[in-house]
Protein backbone atom coordinates (compact mmCIF):
# COMPACT_ATOMS: atom_id res chain seq x y z
CA MET A 1 26.08 -6.38 -26.23
CA GLY A 2 29.79 -6.60 -25.36
CA ARG A 3 31.90 -9.66 -24.84
CA HIS A 4 30.47 -10.43 -21.41
CA THR A 5 26.90 -11.01 -20.30
CA TRP A 6 25.67 -10.45 -16.76
CA MET A 7 26.29 -14.14 -16.06
CA ASP A 8 29.97 -13.90 -17.00
CA ILE A 9 31.01 -11.04 -14.77
CA GLY A 10 33.25 -12.25 -11.96
CA THR A 11 32.69 -15.96 -12.57
CA GLY A 12 36.09 -16.89 -14.01
CA ALA A 13 34.38 -19.61 -16.03
CA ARG A 14 36.05 -21.01 -19.14
CA ASP A 15 34.94 -19.92 -22.60
CA GLY A 16 33.05 -23.16 -23.30
CA ALA A 17 31.00 -22.79 -20.11
CA ARG A 18 30.29 -19.16 -21.00
CA ARG A 19 29.02 -20.08 -24.43
CA ALA A 20 26.79 -22.79 -22.93
CA ARG A 21 25.26 -20.31 -20.48
CA ARG A 22 24.67 -17.80 -23.26
CA ARG A 23 22.89 -20.42 -25.36
CA MET A 24 20.75 -21.43 -22.39
CA GLY A 25 19.87 -17.80 -21.61
CA GLY A 26 18.80 -17.27 -25.21
CA ARG A 27 16.64 -20.38 -25.12
CA VAL A 28 14.94 -19.31 -21.90
CA ALA A 29 14.27 -15.84 -23.34
CA ALA A 30 12.86 -17.36 -26.53
CA LEU A 31 10.63 -19.70 -24.51
CA LEU A 32 9.34 -16.82 -22.40
CA LEU A 33 8.59 -14.70 -25.48
CA GLY A 34 6.81 -17.66 -27.06
CA LEU A 35 4.63 -18.07 -23.97
CA VAL A 36 3.80 -14.36 -24.00
CA ALA A 37 2.78 -14.63 -27.67
CA LEU A 38 0.60 -17.68 -26.97
CA ALA A 39 -1.10 -15.91 -24.08
CA GLY A 40 -1.81 -12.92 -26.31
CA LEU A 41 -0.17 -10.50 -23.91
CA GLY A 42 1.55 -7.40 -25.18
CA SER A 43 4.55 -7.37 -22.88
CA VAL A 44 6.61 -9.52 -20.57
CA GLY A 45 5.77 -7.07 -17.74
CA ALA A 46 2.14 -8.11 -17.92
CA VAL A 47 3.14 -11.71 -17.25
CA ALA A 48 5.24 -10.73 -14.25
CA MET A 49 2.69 -8.45 -12.61
CA ALA A 50 -0.85 -9.56 -13.39
CA VAL A 51 -2.21 -12.32 -11.19
CA PRO A 52 -5.80 -13.56 -11.47
CA LYS A 53 -8.40 -11.94 -9.19
CA ALA A 54 -9.08 -15.28 -7.49
CA ALA A 55 -5.87 -14.79 -5.53
CA MET A 56 -7.28 -11.73 -3.70
CA PRO A 57 -10.38 -12.01 -1.44
CA CYS A 58 -11.42 -8.37 -1.84
CA GLU A 59 -13.45 -6.52 -4.47
CA ASP A 60 -11.79 -5.74 -7.79
CA ASN A 61 -11.96 -1.97 -7.34
CA VAL A 62 -9.80 -1.83 -4.19
CA LYS A 63 -6.09 -1.06 -4.36
CA ALA A 64 -5.15 -2.61 -0.99
CA CYS A 65 -6.64 -5.70 0.59
CA ALA A 66 -5.96 -7.35 3.95
CA ARG A 67 -7.41 -10.65 5.22
CA LEU A 68 -7.18 -10.80 9.01
CA SER A 69 -7.93 -14.53 9.37
CA THR A 70 -4.84 -15.52 7.39
CA ASN A 71 -2.60 -12.48 8.03
CA GLU A 72 -2.22 -11.78 4.30
CA ALA A 73 -2.31 -8.54 2.33
CA TRP A 74 -2.42 -7.70 -1.38
CA LEU A 75 -1.68 -4.63 -3.47
CA SER A 76 -3.69 -4.41 -6.69
CA ASP A 77 -4.21 -2.14 -9.66
CA GLY A 78 -7.85 -1.49 -8.71
CA LYS A 79 -9.03 -3.63 -11.64
CA GLY A 80 -8.65 -7.04 -10.00
CA ASN A 81 -5.00 -7.65 -10.92
CA VAL A 82 -2.65 -8.32 -8.02
CA LEU A 83 0.59 -6.32 -8.17
CA ARG A 84 2.05 -7.73 -4.93
CA GLY A 85 0.89 -10.44 -2.60
CA PRO A 86 -0.16 -12.19 -0.74
CA VAL A 87 2.38 -10.76 1.69
CA ARG A 88 2.69 -11.72 5.33
CA MET A 89 1.23 -9.16 7.73
CA ASN A 90 -0.24 -8.88 11.21
CA HIS A 91 -3.12 -6.88 12.62
CA GLY A 92 -4.51 -5.45 15.84
CA SER A 93 -4.26 -7.29 19.14
CA PRO A 94 -7.30 -7.99 21.37
CA GLY A 95 -8.74 -4.67 22.49
CA HIS A 96 -7.04 -2.93 19.55
CA GLU A 97 -8.70 -4.78 16.67
CA THR A 98 -8.20 -3.78 13.06
CA PRO A 99 -11.62 -2.76 11.71
CA VAL A 100 -13.25 -4.69 8.87
CA GLY A 101 -14.78 -2.83 5.95
CA PHE A 102 -14.05 -0.33 3.19
CA PHE A 103 -11.76 2.64 3.70
CA ALA A 104 -9.84 5.19 1.64
CA VAL A 105 -6.21 6.21 1.88
CA GLN A 106 -6.17 9.51 3.80
CA ARG A 107 -2.48 10.35 3.93
CA LYS A 108 0.99 8.86 3.59
CA GLU A 109 4.13 9.40 5.67
CA GLU A 110 7.46 7.86 4.76
CA VAL A 111 8.57 7.82 8.42
CA HIS A 112 5.82 8.31 10.98
CA LEU A 113 6.52 8.44 14.73
CA SER A 114 3.47 7.46 16.77
CA LYS A 115 2.65 10.03 19.45
CA GLU A 116 0.24 7.56 21.07
CA TYR A 117 2.90 4.85 21.47
CA ASN A 118 6.11 6.56 22.70
CA ASN A 119 7.27 7.69 19.26
CA ALA A 120 7.14 4.14 17.91
CA ARG A 121 8.61 4.13 14.41
CA MET A 122 6.09 3.33 11.65
CA PRO A 123 7.98 3.37 8.34
CA TRP A 124 6.12 3.62 5.02
CA SER A 125 2.79 4.52 6.70
CA VAL A 126 -0.36 4.65 4.58
CA PHE A 127 -3.21 5.82 6.83
CA PHE A 128 -6.67 4.56 5.97
CA ASP A 129 -9.05 5.53 8.81
CA ASP A 130 -9.87 8.37 11.22
CA ASN A 131 -8.27 6.56 14.17
CA GLY A 132 -4.68 6.56 12.92
CA ARG A 133 -4.65 3.03 11.54
CA ALA A 134 -2.27 2.40 8.68
CA PHE A 135 -0.45 -0.11 6.56
CA HIS A 136 3.15 0.25 7.75
CA GLY A 137 6.49 -1.49 8.10
CA GLY A 138 7.75 -3.42 11.08
CA ASP A 139 7.88 -6.98 12.34
CA PRO A 140 4.92 -8.88 10.86
CA ALA A 141 5.23 -11.48 13.63
CA ARG A 142 4.00 -8.91 16.18
CA GLN A 143 0.41 -7.75 16.53
CA SER A 144 -0.28 -4.02 16.38
CA ALA A 145 -2.58 -1.49 17.98
CA GLY A 146 -4.99 -1.81 15.04
CA CYS A 147 -2.67 -1.23 12.11
CA VAL A 148 -1.70 -3.63 9.34
CA ARG A 149 1.99 -4.29 9.99
CA MET A 150 4.17 -5.92 7.33
CA ALA A 151 7.85 -6.29 6.46
CA ASP A 152 9.49 -3.00 5.47
CA ALA A 153 9.98 -4.02 1.83
CA ASP A 154 6.28 -4.89 1.49
CA ALA A 155 5.21 -1.72 3.31
CA GLN A 156 7.38 0.33 0.95
CA ALA A 157 5.70 -1.31 -2.05
CA PHE A 158 2.26 -0.46 -0.62
CA PHE A 159 3.45 3.10 0.12
CA ASN A 160 4.68 3.53 -3.46
CA GLY A 161 1.64 1.84 -5.01
CA LEU A 162 -1.11 3.67 -3.12
CA ASN A 163 -2.33 7.24 -3.41
CA VAL A 164 -4.66 9.40 -1.34
CA TYR A 165 -8.31 8.42 -1.97
CA ASP A 166 -7.43 4.87 -3.18
CA ARG A 167 -9.90 2.30 -1.86
CA VAL A 168 -8.85 -0.17 0.84
CA GLN A 169 -10.74 -3.24 2.04
CA ILE A 170 -10.13 -5.23 5.22
CA VAL A 171 -11.88 -8.62 5.46
CA GLU A 172 -12.09 -11.29 8.17
């Protein structure tokens, strides 16, 4: 690596402070690698991504999970490991309830405009039932017409992490 580390760029810190930060960064990296070795994991990525199944209330073999009672959603690897979540979401309003049960991803649209709701923008849509319900971006503080609405960044992660035919579970 060159003279500067990512911590040095633009800081204007004196050389002594730079050396101290470098030493601290090396110690943190060594500690993290030691923890990975103790856990018996093959890579640092496994530590960052795999979360125990207990964190997700759905079955291990689903790739997307939503719990309506707490307005939380999870993205998983389909083997019980959580890749993202819980993330804040919202669901259908009274009269437009989000159905509970098992579903499969039917299609994905990066930018969907809802014909039923005046071309309402539904970014990062992942449709999971025959009635046009989807995981999609938007304001998670607002209820939907049956969809699972979450912040755009979370919806994009679900969009990128899910494929057609992946299993989805919605629980109370």
